[in-house]
Amino acid sequence: MADREKPASPERAKNASAAGTVESVDIAAGKITIAHGPVEALHWPAMTMGFTASPELIAPVEVGQKVQFDFEARGMTARITRIAPAQ
C-alpha cells in the first residue's frame, strides 16, 4: 500500500498587539496597511504590511494616523481585531 501524505494541519492563529502608522486604508476591500514596530510575541521585526479587517473597524482610521492594534496572525497573514488611536 502506498504511503499517504498527511494533509497539512491548519496553522493556529496567534494573537498579538502592535503600534504603528497607517499607510493606506481600503474600506471596501477590508484592507489596511500599517508600518508597525517589532512584534516580540511573534518574533517579527518592524515592517510595513497589509492586514485584513472588517470595513466597520477601519472606517474611522485615517492615513498617517498613529494607532495601536490587536490582531490574529496565521503565518504572515493577519486580521485586525481591535484598532484605536495611539495614546
C-alpha atoms as a PDB file:
ATOM      1  CA  MET A   1       0.000   0.000   0.000  1.00  0.00           C
ATOM      2  CA  ALA A   2       1.397   3.407  -0.924  1.00  0.00           C
ATOM      3  CA  ASP A   3       2.164   5.868   1.839  1.00  0.00           C
ATOM      4  CA  ARG A   4      -0.389   8.621   2.027  1.00  0.00           C
ATOM      5  CA  GLU A   5       0.690  12.140   2.656  1.00  0.00           C
ATOM      6  CA  LYS A   6      -0.838  13.674   5.729  1.00  0.00           C
ATOM      7  CA  PRO A   7      -2.918  16.734   4.942  1.00  0.00           C
ATOM      8  CA  ALA A   8      -1.336  19.895   6.223  1.00  0.00           C
ATOM      9  CA  SER A   9      -2.841  20.859   9.526  1.00  0.00           C
ATOM     10  CA  PRO A  10      -4.201  24.385   9.625  1.00  0.00           C
ATOM     11  CA  GLU A  11      -1.890  26.804  11.360  1.00  0.00           C
ATOM     12  CA  ARG A  12      -3.227  28.046  14.682  1.00  0.00           C
ATOM     13  CA  ALA A  13      -3.952  31.736  14.979  1.00  0.00           C
ATOM     14  CA  LYS A  14      -1.656  33.640  17.299  1.00  0.00           C
ATOM     15  CA  ASN A  15      -2.847  36.834  18.971  1.00  0.00           C
ATOM     16  CA  ALA A  16      -0.543  39.819  19.184  1.00  0.00           C
ATOM     17  CA  SER A  17      -0.533  43.596  19.600  1.00  0.00           C
ATOM     18  CA  ALA A  18       1.471  46.311  17.900  1.00  0.00           C
ATOM     19  CA  ALA A  19       1.682  50.040  17.321  1.00  0.00           C
ATOM     20  CA  GLY A  20       2.327  51.800  14.052  1.00  0.00           C
ATOM     21  CA  THR A  21       1.385  54.364  11.445  1.00  0.00           C
ATOM     22  CA  VAL A  22      -1.392  53.823   8.915  1.00  0.00           C
ATOM     23  CA  GLU A  23      -0.036  53.865   5.341  1.00  0.00           C
ATOM     24  CA  SER A  24      -3.260  53.100   3.429  1.00  0.00           C
ATOM     25  CA  VAL A  25      -6.882  52.129   4.025  1.00  0.00           C
ATOM     26  CA  ASP A  26      -9.246  50.380   1.594  1.00  0.00           C
ATOM     27  CA  ILE A  27     -12.552  50.208   3.442  1.00  0.00           C
ATOM     28  CA  ALA A  28     -14.449  48.493   0.603  1.00  0.00           C
ATOM     29  CA  ALA A  29     -11.856  45.688   0.401  1.00  0.00           C
ATOM     30  CA  GLY A  30     -11.403  45.440   4.182  1.00  0.00           C
ATOM     31  CA  LYS A  31      -7.648  46.064   3.930  1.00  0.00           C
ATOM     32  CA  ILE A  32      -5.291  48.356   5.807  1.00  0.00           C
ATOM     33  CA  THR A  33      -1.519  48.780   5.523  1.00  0.00           C
ATOM     34  CA  ILE A  34       0.398  49.714   8.655  1.00  0.00           C
ATOM     35  CA  ALA A  35       4.103  50.444   9.207  1.00  0.00           C
ATOM     36  CA  HIS A  36       4.496  48.825  12.624  1.00  0.00           C
ATOM     37  CA  GLY A  37       7.245  48.309  15.139  1.00  0.00           C
ATOM     38  CA  PRO A  38       8.603  44.914  16.187  1.00  0.00           C
ATOM     39  CA  VAL A  39       6.069  42.324  17.367  1.00  0.00           C
ATOM     40  CA  GLU A  40       8.004  40.425  20.008  1.00  0.00           C
ATOM     41  CA  ALA A  41       5.207  37.894  20.644  1.00  0.00           C
ATOM     42  CA  LEU A  42       5.629  36.637  17.062  1.00  0.00           C
ATOM     43  CA  HIS A  43       9.365  37.356  16.660  1.00  0.00           C
ATOM     44  CA  TRP A  44       8.567  39.773  13.816  1.00  0.00           C
ATOM     45  CA  PRO A  45      10.831  42.729  13.055  1.00  0.00           C
ATOM     46  CA  ALA A  46       9.463  46.180  12.329  1.00  0.00           C
ATOM     47  CA  MET A  47       7.893  46.218   8.858  1.00  0.00           C
ATOM     48  CA  THR A  48       5.140  47.618   6.700  1.00  0.00           C
ATOM     49  CA  MET A  49       2.450  45.064   5.970  1.00  0.00           C
ATOM     50  CA  GLY A  50      -1.146  44.681   4.906  1.00  0.00           C
ATOM     51  CA  PHE A  51      -3.820  43.416   7.271  1.00  0.00           C
ATOM     52  CA  THR A  52      -7.414  42.447   6.706  1.00  0.00           C
ATOM     53  CA  ALA A  53     -10.151  43.930   8.893  1.00  0.00           C
ATOM     54  CA  SER A  54     -13.873  44.453   8.880  1.00  0.00           C
ATOM     55  CA  PRO A  55     -14.840  47.624   6.992  1.00  0.00           C
ATOM     56  CA  GLU A  56     -16.601  48.918  10.119  1.00  0.00           C
ATOM     57  CA  LEU A  57     -13.433  48.542  12.176  1.00  0.00           C
ATOM     58  CA  ILE A  58     -11.199  50.519   9.808  1.00  0.00           C
ATOM     59  CA  ALA A  59     -13.718  53.119   8.580  1.00  0.00           C
ATOM     60  CA  PRO A  60     -12.700  55.751  11.184  1.00  0.00           C
ATOM     61  CA  VAL A  61      -8.953  55.243  10.593  1.00  0.00           C
ATOM     62  CA  GLU A  62      -7.021  57.807   8.524  1.00  0.00           C
ATOM     63  CA  VAL A  63      -3.773  57.602   6.557  1.00  0.00           C
ATOM     64  CA  GLY A  64      -0.906  58.978   8.649  1.00  0.00           C
ATOM     65  CA  GLN A  65      -2.664  58.222  11.945  1.00  0.00           C
ATOM     66  CA  LYS A  66      -0.665  56.521  14.702  1.00  0.00           C
ATOM     67  CA  VAL A  67      -2.567  53.508  16.016  1.00  0.00           C
ATOM     68  CA  GLN A  68      -2.383  50.665  18.490  1.00  0.00           C
ATOM     69  CA  PHE A  69      -3.966  47.426  17.350  1.00  0.00           C
ATOM     70  CA  ASP A  70      -4.564  43.789  18.197  1.00  0.00           C
ATOM     71  CA  PHE A  71      -4.570  41.096  15.533  1.00  0.00           C
ATOM     72  CA  GLU A  72      -4.690  37.379  14.848  1.00  0.00           C
ATOM     73  CA  ALA A  73      -1.827  36.037  12.754  1.00  0.00           C
ATOM     74  CA  ARG A  74      -1.523  32.838  10.764  1.00  0.00           C
ATOM     75  CA  GLY A  75       1.963  32.870   9.316  1.00  0.00           C
ATOM     76  CA  MET A  76       2.317  36.224   7.599  1.00  0.00           C
ATOM     77  CA  THR A  77      -1.452  36.662   7.161  1.00  0.00           C
ATOM     78  CA  ALA A  78      -3.043  38.804   9.827  1.00  0.00           C
ATOM     79  CA  ARG A  79      -6.532  40.099  10.668  1.00  0.00           C
ATOM     80  CA  ILE A  80      -7.015  43.129  12.902  1.00  0.00           C
ATOM     81  CA  THR A  81      -9.434  42.531  15.769  1.00  0.00           C
ATOM     82  CA  ARG A  82      -9.107  45.937  17.506  1.00  0.00           C
ATOM     83  CA  ILE A  83      -7.652  49.273  16.423  1.00  0.00           C
ATOM     84  CA  ALA A  84      -7.524  52.610  18.244  1.00  0.00           C
ATOM     85  CA  PRO A  85      -5.631  55.894  18.037  1.00  0.00           C
ATOM     86  CA  ALA A  86      -2.268  55.688  19.822  1.00  0.00           C
ATOM     87  CA  GLN A  87      -2.191  57.373  23.210  1.00  0.00           C
END
